[in-house]
Amino acid sequence: QARKVSNDEIAGTFIIIPPGSKLLTCFENGDTV
């Protein structure tokens, strides 16, 4: 995940991921791999 330094919230989305992985939606589509 990417997280804001200010408050530790998950931020942004992953748009390219390697084989053997998948996107998760923790708070918004694709914010976690």
ModelCIF file with pLDDT and N, C-alpha, C, O atoms, coordinates in Angstrom:
data_MODEL
#
_entry.id   MODEL 
#
_entity.id                         1 
_entity.type                       polymer 
_entity.pdbx_number_of_molecules   1 
#
_entity_poly.entity_id                      1 
_entity_poly.type                           'polypeptide(L)' 
_entity_poly.nstd_linkage                   no 
_entity_poly.nstd_monomer                   no 
_entity_poly.pdbx_seq_one_letter_code       QARKVSNDEIAGTFIIIPPGSKLLTCFENGDTV 
_entity_poly.pdbx_seq_one_letter_code_can   QARKVSNDEIAGTFIIIPPGSKLLTCFENGDTV 
_entity_poly.pdbx_strand_id                 A 
#
loop_
_entity_poly_seq.entity_id 
_entity_poly_seq.num 
_entity_poly_seq.mon_id 
_entity_poly_seq.hetero 
1 1  GLN n 
1 2  ALA n 
1 3  ARG n 
1 4  LYS n 
1 5  VAL n 
1 6  SER n 
1 7  ASN n 
1 8  ASP n 
1 9  GLU n 
1 10 ILE n 
1 11 ALA n 
1 12 GLY n 
1 13 THR n 
1 14 PHE n 
1 15 ILE n 
1 16 ILE n 
1 17 ILE n 
1 18 PRO n 
1 19 PRO n 
1 20 GLY n 
1 21 SER n 
1 22 LYS n 
1 23 LEU n 
1 24 LEU n 
1 25 THR n 
1 26 CYS n 
1 27 PHE n 
1 28 GLU n 
1 29 ASN n 
1 30 GLY n 
1 31 ASP n 
1 32 THR n 
1 33 VAL n 
#
_struct_asym.id          A 
_struct_asym.entity_id   1 
#
loop_
_ma_qa_metric.id 
_ma_qa_metric.mode 
_ma_qa_metric.name 
_ma_qa_metric.software_group_id 
_ma_qa_metric.type 
1 global pLDDT . pLDDT 
2 local  pLDDT . pLDDT 
#
_ma_qa_metric_global.metric_id      1 
_ma_qa_metric_global.metric_value   95.52 
_ma_qa_metric_global.model_id       1 
_ma_qa_metric_global.ordinal_id     1 
#
loop_
_ma_qa_metric_local.label_asym_id 
_ma_qa_metric_local.label_comp_id 
_ma_qa_metric_local.label_seq_id 
_ma_qa_metric_local.metric_id 
_ma_qa_metric_local.metric_value 
_ma_qa_metric_local.model_id 
_ma_qa_metric_local.ordinal_id 
A GLN 1  2 96.00 1 1  
A ALA 2  2 98.00 1 2  
A ARG 3  2 96.00 1 3  
A LYS 4  2 97.00 1 4  
A VAL 5  2 97.00 1 5  
A SER 6  2 97.00 1 6  
A ASN 7  2 97.00 1 7  
A ASP 8  2 95.00 1 8  
A GLU 9  2 96.00 1 9  
A ILE 10 2 96.00 1 10 
A ALA 11 2 97.00 1 11 
A GLY 12 2 98.00 1 12 
A THR 13 2 98.00 1 13 
A PHE 14 2 98.00 1 14 
A ILE 15 2 98.00 1 15 
A ILE 16 2 97.00 1 16 
A ILE 17 2 97.00 1 17 
A PRO 18 2 96.00 1 18 
A PRO 19 2 94.00 1 19 
A GLY 20 2 93.00 1 20 
A SER 21 2 95.00 1 21 
A LYS 22 2 94.00 1 22 
A LEU 23 2 96.00 1 23 
A LEU 24 2 92.00 1 24 
A THR 25 2 94.00 1 25 
A CYS 26 2 93.00 1 26 
A PHE 27 2 90.00 1 27 
A GLU 28 2 93.00 1 28 
A ASN 29 2 93.00 1 29 
A GLY 30 2 94.00 1 30 
A ASP 31 2 96.00 1 31 
A THR 32 2 95.00 1 32 
A VAL 33 2 96.00 1 33 
#
loop_
_atom_site.group_PDB 
_atom_site.id 
_atom_site.type_symbol 
_atom_site.label_atom_id 
_atom_site.label_alt_id 
_atom_site.label_comp_id 
_atom_site.label_asym_id 
_atom_site.label_entity_id 
_atom_site.label_seq_id 
_atom_site.pdbx_PDB_ins_code 
_atom_site.Cartn_x 
_atom_site.Cartn_y 
_atom_site.Cartn_z 
_atom_site.occupancy 
_atom_site.B_iso_or_equiv 
_atom_site.pdbx_formal_charge 
_atom_site.auth_seq_id 
_atom_site.auth_comp_id 
_atom_site.auth_asym_id 
_atom_site.auth_atom_id 
_atom_site.pdbx_PDB_model_num 
ATOM 1   N N  . GLN A 1 1  ? 0.839   -1.196  0.000   1.00 96.00 ? 1  GLN A N  1 
ATOM 2   C CA . GLN A 1 1  ? 0.000   0.000   0.000   1.00 96.00 ? 1  GLN A CA 1 
ATOM 3   C C  . GLN A 1 1  ? 0.877   1.250   0.000   1.00 96.00 ? 1  GLN A C  1 
ATOM 4   O O  . GLN A 1 1  ? 2.026   1.217   0.439   1.00 96.00 ? 1  GLN A O  1 
ATOM 5   N N  . ALA A 1 2  ? 0.316   2.352   -0.500  1.00 98.00 ? 2  ALA A N  1 
ATOM 6   C CA . ALA A 1 2  ? 0.898   3.684   -0.295  1.00 98.00 ? 2  ALA A CA 1 
ATOM 7   C C  . ALA A 1 2  ? 0.057   4.346   0.780   1.00 98.00 ? 2  ALA A C  1 
ATOM 8   O O  . ALA A 1 2  ? -1.169  4.232   0.774   1.00 98.00 ? 2  ALA A O  1 
ATOM 9   N N  . ARG A 1 3  ? 0.716   5.044   1.710   1.00 96.00 ? 3  ARG A N  1 
ATOM 10  C CA . ARG A 1 3  ? -0.007  5.704   2.804   1.00 96.00 ? 3  ARG A CA 1 
ATOM 11  C C  . ARG A 1 3  ? 0.504   7.125   2.981   1.00 96.00 ? 3  ARG A C  1 
ATOM 12  O O  . ARG A 1 3  ? 1.689   7.409   2.806   1.00 96.00 ? 3  ARG A O  1 
ATOM 13  N N  . LYS A 1 4  ? -0.422  8.009   3.332   1.00 97.00 ? 4  LYS A N  1 
ATOM 14  C CA . LYS A 1 4  ? -0.066  9.397   3.620   1.00 97.00 ? 4  LYS A CA 1 
ATOM 15  C C  . LYS A 1 4  ? 0.782   9.433   4.887   1.00 97.00 ? 4  LYS A C  1 
ATOM 16  O O  . LYS A 1 4  ? 0.461   8.767   5.871   1.00 97.00 ? 4  LYS A O  1 
ATOM 17  N N  . VAL A 1 5  ? 1.848   10.198  4.864   1.00 97.00 ? 5  VAL A N  1 
ATOM 18  C CA . VAL A 1 5  ? 2.699   10.352  6.049   1.00 97.00 ? 5  VAL A CA 1 
ATOM 19  C C  . VAL A 1 5  ? 1.924   11.079  7.150   1.00 97.00 ? 5  VAL A C  1 
ATOM 20  O O  . VAL A 1 5  ? 2.101   10.775  8.330   1.00 97.00 ? 5  VAL A O  1 
ATOM 21  N N  . SER A 1 6  ? 1.080   12.022  6.784   1.00 97.00 ? 6  SER A N  1 
ATOM 22  C CA . SER A 1 6  ? 0.385   12.860  7.763   1.00 97.00 ? 6  SER A CA 1 
ATOM 23  C C  . SER A 1 6  ? -0.583  12.090  8.663   1.00 97.00 ? 6  SER A C  1 
ATOM 24  O O  . SER A 1 6  ? -0.696  12.394  9.850   1.00 97.00 ? 6  SER A O  1 
ATOM 25  N N  . ASN A 1 7  ? -1.283  11.093  8.107   1.00 97.00 ? 7  ASN A N  1 
ATOM 26  C CA . ASN A 1 7  ? -2.305  10.415  8.916   1.00 97.00 ? 7  ASN A CA 1 
ATOM 27  C C  . ASN A 1 7  ? -2.392  8.900   8.697   1.00 97.00 ? 7  ASN A C  1 
ATOM 28  O O  . ASN A 1 7  ? -3.304  8.260   9.220   1.00 97.00 ? 7  ASN A O  1 
ATOM 29  N N  . ASP A 1 8  ? -1.470  8.324   7.943   1.00 95.00 ? 8  ASP A N  1 
ATOM 30  C CA . ASP A 1 8  ? -1.384  6.881   7.708   1.00 95.00 ? 8  ASP A CA 1 
ATOM 31  C C  . ASP A 1 8  ? -2.550  6.328   6.881   1.00 95.00 ? 8  ASP A C  1 
ATOM 32  O O  . ASP A 1 8  ? -2.756  5.115   6.865   1.00 95.00 ? 8  ASP A O  1 
ATOM 33  N N  . GLU A 1 9  ? -3.312  7.176   6.201   1.00 96.00 ? 9  GLU A N  1 
ATOM 34  C CA . GLU A 1 9  ? -4.407  6.703   5.344   1.00 96.00 ? 9  GLU A CA 1 
ATOM 35  C C  . GLU A 1 9  ? -3.849  6.144   4.041   1.00 96.00 ? 9  GLU A C  1 
ATOM 36  O O  . GLU A 1 9  ? -2.867  6.655   3.504   1.00 96.00 ? 9  GLU A O  1 
ATOM 37  N N  . ILE A 1 10 ? -4.487  5.092   3.539   1.00 96.00 ? 10 ILE A N  1 
ATOM 38  C CA . ILE A 1 10 ? -4.128  4.519   2.243   1.00 96.00 ? 10 ILE A CA 1 
ATOM 39  C C  . ILE A 1 10 ? -4.463  5.550   1.172   1.00 96.00 ? 10 ILE A C  1 
ATOM 40  O O  . ILE A 1 10 ? -5.498  6.212   1.242   1.00 96.00 ? 10 ILE A O  1 
ATOM 41  N N  . ALA A 1 11 ? -3.572  5.683   0.167   1.00 97.00 ? 11 ALA A N  1 
ATOM 42  C CA . ALA A 1 11 ? -3.761  6.715   -0.852  1.00 97.00 ? 11 ALA A CA 1 
ATOM 43  C C  . ALA A 1 11 ? -3.358  6.206   -2.232  1.00 97.00 ? 11 ALA A C  1 
ATOM 44  O O  . ALA A 1 11 ? -2.488  5.345   -2.357  1.00 97.00 ? 11 ALA A O  1 
ATOM 45  N N  . GLY A 1 12 ? -3.995  6.741   -3.255  1.00 98.00 ? 12 GLY A N  1 
ATOM 46  C CA . GLY A 1 12 ? -3.646  6.429   -4.629  1.00 98.00 ? 12 GLY A CA 1 
ATOM 47  C C  . GLY A 1 12 ? -4.077  5.034   -5.052  1.00 98.00 ? 12 GLY A C  1 
ATOM 48  O O  . GLY A 1 12 ? -4.715  4.302   -4.296  1.00 98.00 ? 12 GLY A O  1 
ATOM 49  N N  . THR A 1 13 ? -3.711  4.687   -6.280  1.00 98.00 ? 13 THR A N  1 
ATOM 50  C CA . THR A 1 13 ? -4.078  3.380   -6.828  1.00 98.00 ? 13 THR A CA 1 
ATOM 51  C C  . THR A 1 13 ? -2.896  2.790   -7.589  1.00 98.00 ? 13 THR A C  1 
ATOM 52  O O  . THR A 1 13 ? -2.056  3.511   -8.129  1.00 98.00 ? 13 THR A O  1 
ATOM 53  N N  . PHE A 1 14 ? -2.854  1.489   -7.617  1.00 98.00 ? 14 PHE A N  1 
ATOM 54  C CA . PHE A 1 14 ? -1.834  0.795   -8.399  1.00 98.00 ? 14 PHE A CA 1 
ATOM 55  C C  . PHE A 1 14 ? -2.403  0.528   -9.782  1.00 98.00 ? 14 PHE A C  1 
ATOM 56  O O  . PHE A 1 14 ? -3.514  0.013   -9.912  1.00 98.00 ? 14 PHE A O  1 
ATOM 57  N N  . ILE A 1 15 ? -1.632  0.883   -10.831 1.00 98.00 ? 15 ILE A N  1 
ATOM 58  C CA . ILE A 1 15 ? -2.131  0.734   -12.191 1.00 98.00 ? 15 ILE A CA 1 
ATOM 59  C C  . ILE A 1 15 ? -1.374  -0.332  -12.974 1.00 98.00 ? 15 ILE A C  1 
ATOM 60  O O  . ILE A 1 15 ? -1.862  -0.815  -13.996 1.00 98.00 ? 15 ILE A O  1 
ATOM 61  N N  . ILE A 1 16 ? -0.193  -0.698  -12.506 1.00 97.00 ? 16 ILE A N  1 
ATOM 62  C CA . ILE A 1 16 ? 0.553   -1.819  -13.111 1.00 97.00 ? 16 ILE A CA 1 
ATOM 63  C C  . ILE A 1 16 ? 1.031   -2.704  -11.976 1.00 97.00 ? 16 ILE A C  1 
ATOM 64  O O  . ILE A 1 16 ? 1.652   -2.239  -11.020 1.00 97.00 ? 16 ILE A O  1 
ATOM 65  N N  . ILE A 1 17 ? 0.726   -4.007  -12.103 1.00 97.00 ? 17 ILE A N  1 
ATOM 66  C CA . ILE A 1 17 ? 1.123   -4.974  -11.079 1.00 97.00 ? 17 ILE A CA 1 
ATOM 67  C C  . ILE A 1 17 ? 1.758   -6.174  -11.768 1.00 97.00 ? 17 ILE A C  1 
ATOM 68  O O  . ILE A 1 17 ? 1.453   -6.442  -12.930 1.00 97.00 ? 17 ILE A O  1 
ATOM 69  N N  . PRO A 1 18 ? 2.644   -6.910  -11.074 1.00 96.00 ? 18 PRO A N  1 
ATOM 70  C CA . PRO A 1 18 ? 3.324   -8.042  -11.705 1.00 96.00 ? 18 PRO A CA 1 
ATOM 71  C C  . PRO A 1 18 ? 2.437   -9.293  -11.737 1.00 96.00 ? 18 PRO A C  1 
ATOM 72  O O  . PRO A 1 18 ? 1.427   -9.364  -11.036 1.00 96.00 ? 18 PRO A O  1 
ATOM 73  N N  . PRO A 1 19 ? 2.826   -10.282 -12.561 1.00 94.00 ? 19 PRO A N  1 
ATOM 74  C CA . PRO A 1 19 ? 2.122   -11.568 -12.539 1.00 94.00 ? 19 PRO A CA 1 
ATOM 75  C C  . PRO A 1 19 ? 2.189   -12.163 -11.127 1.00 94.00 ? 19 PRO A C  1 
ATOM 76  O O  . PRO A 1 19 ? 3.145   -11.917 -10.391 1.00 94.00 ? 19 PRO A O  1 
ATOM 77  N N  . GLY A 1 20 ? 1.180   -12.940 -10.757 1.00 93.00 ? 20 GLY A N  1 
ATOM 78  C CA . GLY A 1 20 ? 1.147   -13.536 -9.425  1.00 93.00 ? 20 GLY A CA 1 
ATOM 79  C C  . GLY A 1 20 ? 0.626   -12.582 -8.365  1.00 93.00 ? 20 GLY A C  1 
ATOM 80  O O  . GLY A 1 20 ? 0.750   -12.846 -7.169  1.00 93.00 ? 20 GLY A O  1 
ATOM 81  N N  . SER A 1 21 ? 0.032   -11.456 -8.809  1.00 95.00 ? 21 SER A N  1 
ATOM 82  C CA . SER A 1 21 ? -0.535  -10.498 -7.857  1.00 95.00 ? 21 SER A CA 1 
ATOM 83  C C  . SER A 1 21 ? -1.892  -10.030 -8.366  1.00 95.00 ? 21 SER A C  1 
ATOM 84  O O  . SER A 1 21 ? -2.250  -10.248 -9.523  1.00 95.00 ? 21 SER A O  1 
ATOM 85  N N  . LYS A 1 22 ? -2.643  -9.376  -7.466  1.00 94.00 ? 22 LYS A N  1 
ATOM 86  C CA . LYS A 1 22 ? -3.962  -8.852  -7.835  1.00 94.00 ? 22 LYS A CA 1 
ATOM 87  C C  . LYS A 1 22 ? -4.253  -7.606  -7.011  1.00 94.00 ? 22 LYS A C  1 
ATOM 88  O O  . LYS A 1 22 ? -3.677  -7.394  -5.944  1.00 94.00 ? 22 LYS A O  1 
ATOM 89  N N  . LEU A 1 23 ? -5.158  -6.790  -7.534  1.00 96.00 ? 23 LEU A N  1 
ATOM 90  C CA . LEU A 1 23 ? -5.575  -5.571  -6.848  1.00 96.00 ? 23 LEU A CA 1 
ATOM 91  C C  . LEU A 1 23 ? -6.647  -5.882  -5.818  1.00 96.00 ? 23 LEU A C  1 
ATOM 92  O O  . LEU A 1 23 ? -7.490  -6.756  -6.021  1.00 96.00 ? 23 LEU A O  1 
ATOM 93  N N  . LEU A 1 24 ? -6.604  -5.155  -4.712  1.00 92.00 ? 24 LEU A N  1 
ATOM 94  C CA . LEU A 1 24 ? -7.647  -5.208  -3.691  1.00 92.00 ? 24 LEU A CA 1 
ATOM 95  C C  . LEU A 1 24 ? -8.255  -3.820  -3.566  1.00 92.00 ? 24 LEU A C  1 
ATOM 96  O O  . LEU A 1 24 ? -7.635  -2.817  -3.921  1.00 92.00 ? 24 LEU A O  1 
ATOM 97  N N  . THR A 1 25 ? -9.456  -3.783  -3.062  1.00 94.00 ? 25 THR A N  1 
ATOM 98  C CA . THR A 1 25 ? -10.119 -2.514  -2.768  1.00 94.00 ? 25 THR A CA 1 
ATOM 99  C C  . THR A 1 25 ? -10.299 -2.424  -1.265  1.00 94.00 ? 25 THR A C  1 
ATOM 100 O O  . THR A 1 25 ? -11.243 -2.986  -0.710  1.00 94.00 ? 25 THR A O  1 
ATOM 101 N N  . CYS A 1 26 ? -9.387  -1.711  -0.606  1.00 93.00 ? 26 CYS A N  1 
ATOM 102 C CA . CYS A 1 26 ? -9.538  -1.503  0.834   1.00 93.00 ? 26 CYS A CA 1 
ATOM 103 C C  . CYS A 1 26 ? -10.459 -0.313  1.077   1.00 93.00 ? 26 CYS A C  1 
ATOM 104 O O  . CYS A 1 26 ? -11.417 -0.410  1.845   1.00 93.00 ? 26 CYS A O  1 
ATOM 105 N N  . PHE A 1 27 ? -10.167 0.825   0.413   1.00 90.00 ? 27 PHE A N  1 
ATOM 106 C CA . PHE A 1 27 ? -11.017 2.005   0.531   1.00 90.00 ? 27 PHE A CA 1 
ATOM 107 C C  . PHE A 1 27 ? -11.466 2.508   -0.834  1.00 90.00 ? 27 PHE A C  1 
ATOM 108 O O  . PHE A 1 27 ? -12.560 3.056   -0.968  1.00 90.00 ? 27 PHE A O  1 
ATOM 109 N N  . GLU A 1 28 ? -10.624 2.322   -1.849  1.00 93.00 ? 28 GLU A N  1 
ATOM 110 C CA . GLU A 1 28 ? -11.024 2.648   -3.216  1.00 93.00 ? 28 GLU A CA 1 
ATOM 111 C C  . GLU A 1 28 ? -10.392 1.623   -4.156  1.00 93.00 ? 28 GLU A C  1 
ATOM 112 O O  . GLU A 1 28 ? -9.403  0.980   -3.805  1.00 93.00 ? 28 GLU A O  1 
ATOM 113 N N  . ASN A 1 29 ? -10.962 1.474   -5.345  1.00 93.00 ? 29 ASN A N  1 
ATOM 114 C CA . ASN A 1 29 ? -10.497 0.458   -6.295  1.00 93.00 ? 29 ASN A CA 1 
ATOM 115 C C  . ASN A 1 29 ? -8.990  0.524   -6.520  1.00 93.00 ? 29 ASN A C  1 
ATOM 116 O O  . ASN A 1 29 ? -8.449  1.578   -6.853  1.00 93.00 ? 29 ASN A O  1 
ATOM 117 N N  . GLY A 1 30 ? -8.310  -0.621  -6.332  1.00 94.00 ? 30 GLY A N  1 
ATOM 118 C CA . GLY A 1 30 ? -6.898  -0.716  -6.672  1.00 94.00 ? 30 GLY A CA 1 
ATOM 119 C C  . GLY A 1 30 ? -5.941  -0.017  -5.746  1.00 94.00 ? 30 GLY A C  1 
ATOM 120 O O  . GLY A 1 30 ? -4.800  0.231   -6.136  1.00 94.00 ? 30 GLY A O  1 
ATOM 121 N N  . ASP A 1 31 ? -6.352  0.318   -4.524  1.00 96.00 ? 31 ASP A N  1 
ATOM 122 C CA . ASP A 1 31 ? -5.441  1.024   -3.614  1.00 96.00 ? 31 ASP A CA 1 
ATOM 123 C C  . ASP A 1 31 ? -4.470  0.094   -2.902  1.00 96.00 ? 31 ASP A C  1 
ATOM 124 O O  . ASP A 1 31 ? -3.568  0.563   -2.208  1.00 96.00 ? 31 ASP A O  1 
ATOM 125 N N  . THR A 1 32 ? -4.635  -1.205  -3.059  1.00 95.00 ? 32 THR A N  1 
ATOM 126 C CA . THR A 1 32 ? -3.797  -2.202  -2.384  1.00 95.00 ? 32 THR A CA 1 
ATOM 127 C C  . THR A 1 32 ? -3.509  -3.333  -3.358  1.00 95.00 ? 32 THR A C  1 
ATOM 128 O O  . THR A 1 32 ? -4.345  -3.668  -4.197  1.00 95.00 ? 32 THR A O  1 
ATOM 129 N N  . VAL A 1 33 ? -2.317  -3.923  -3.244  1.00 96.00 ? 33 VAL A N  1 
ATOM 130 C CA . VAL A 1 33 ? -1.956  -5.084  -4.066  1.00 96.00 ? 33 VAL A CA 1 
ATOM 131 C C  . VAL A 1 33 ? -1.587  -6.233  -3.136  1.00 96.00 ? 33 VAL A C  1 
ATOM 132 O O  . VAL A 1 33 ? -1.247  -7.320  -3.603  1.00 96.00 ? 33 VAL A O  1 
#
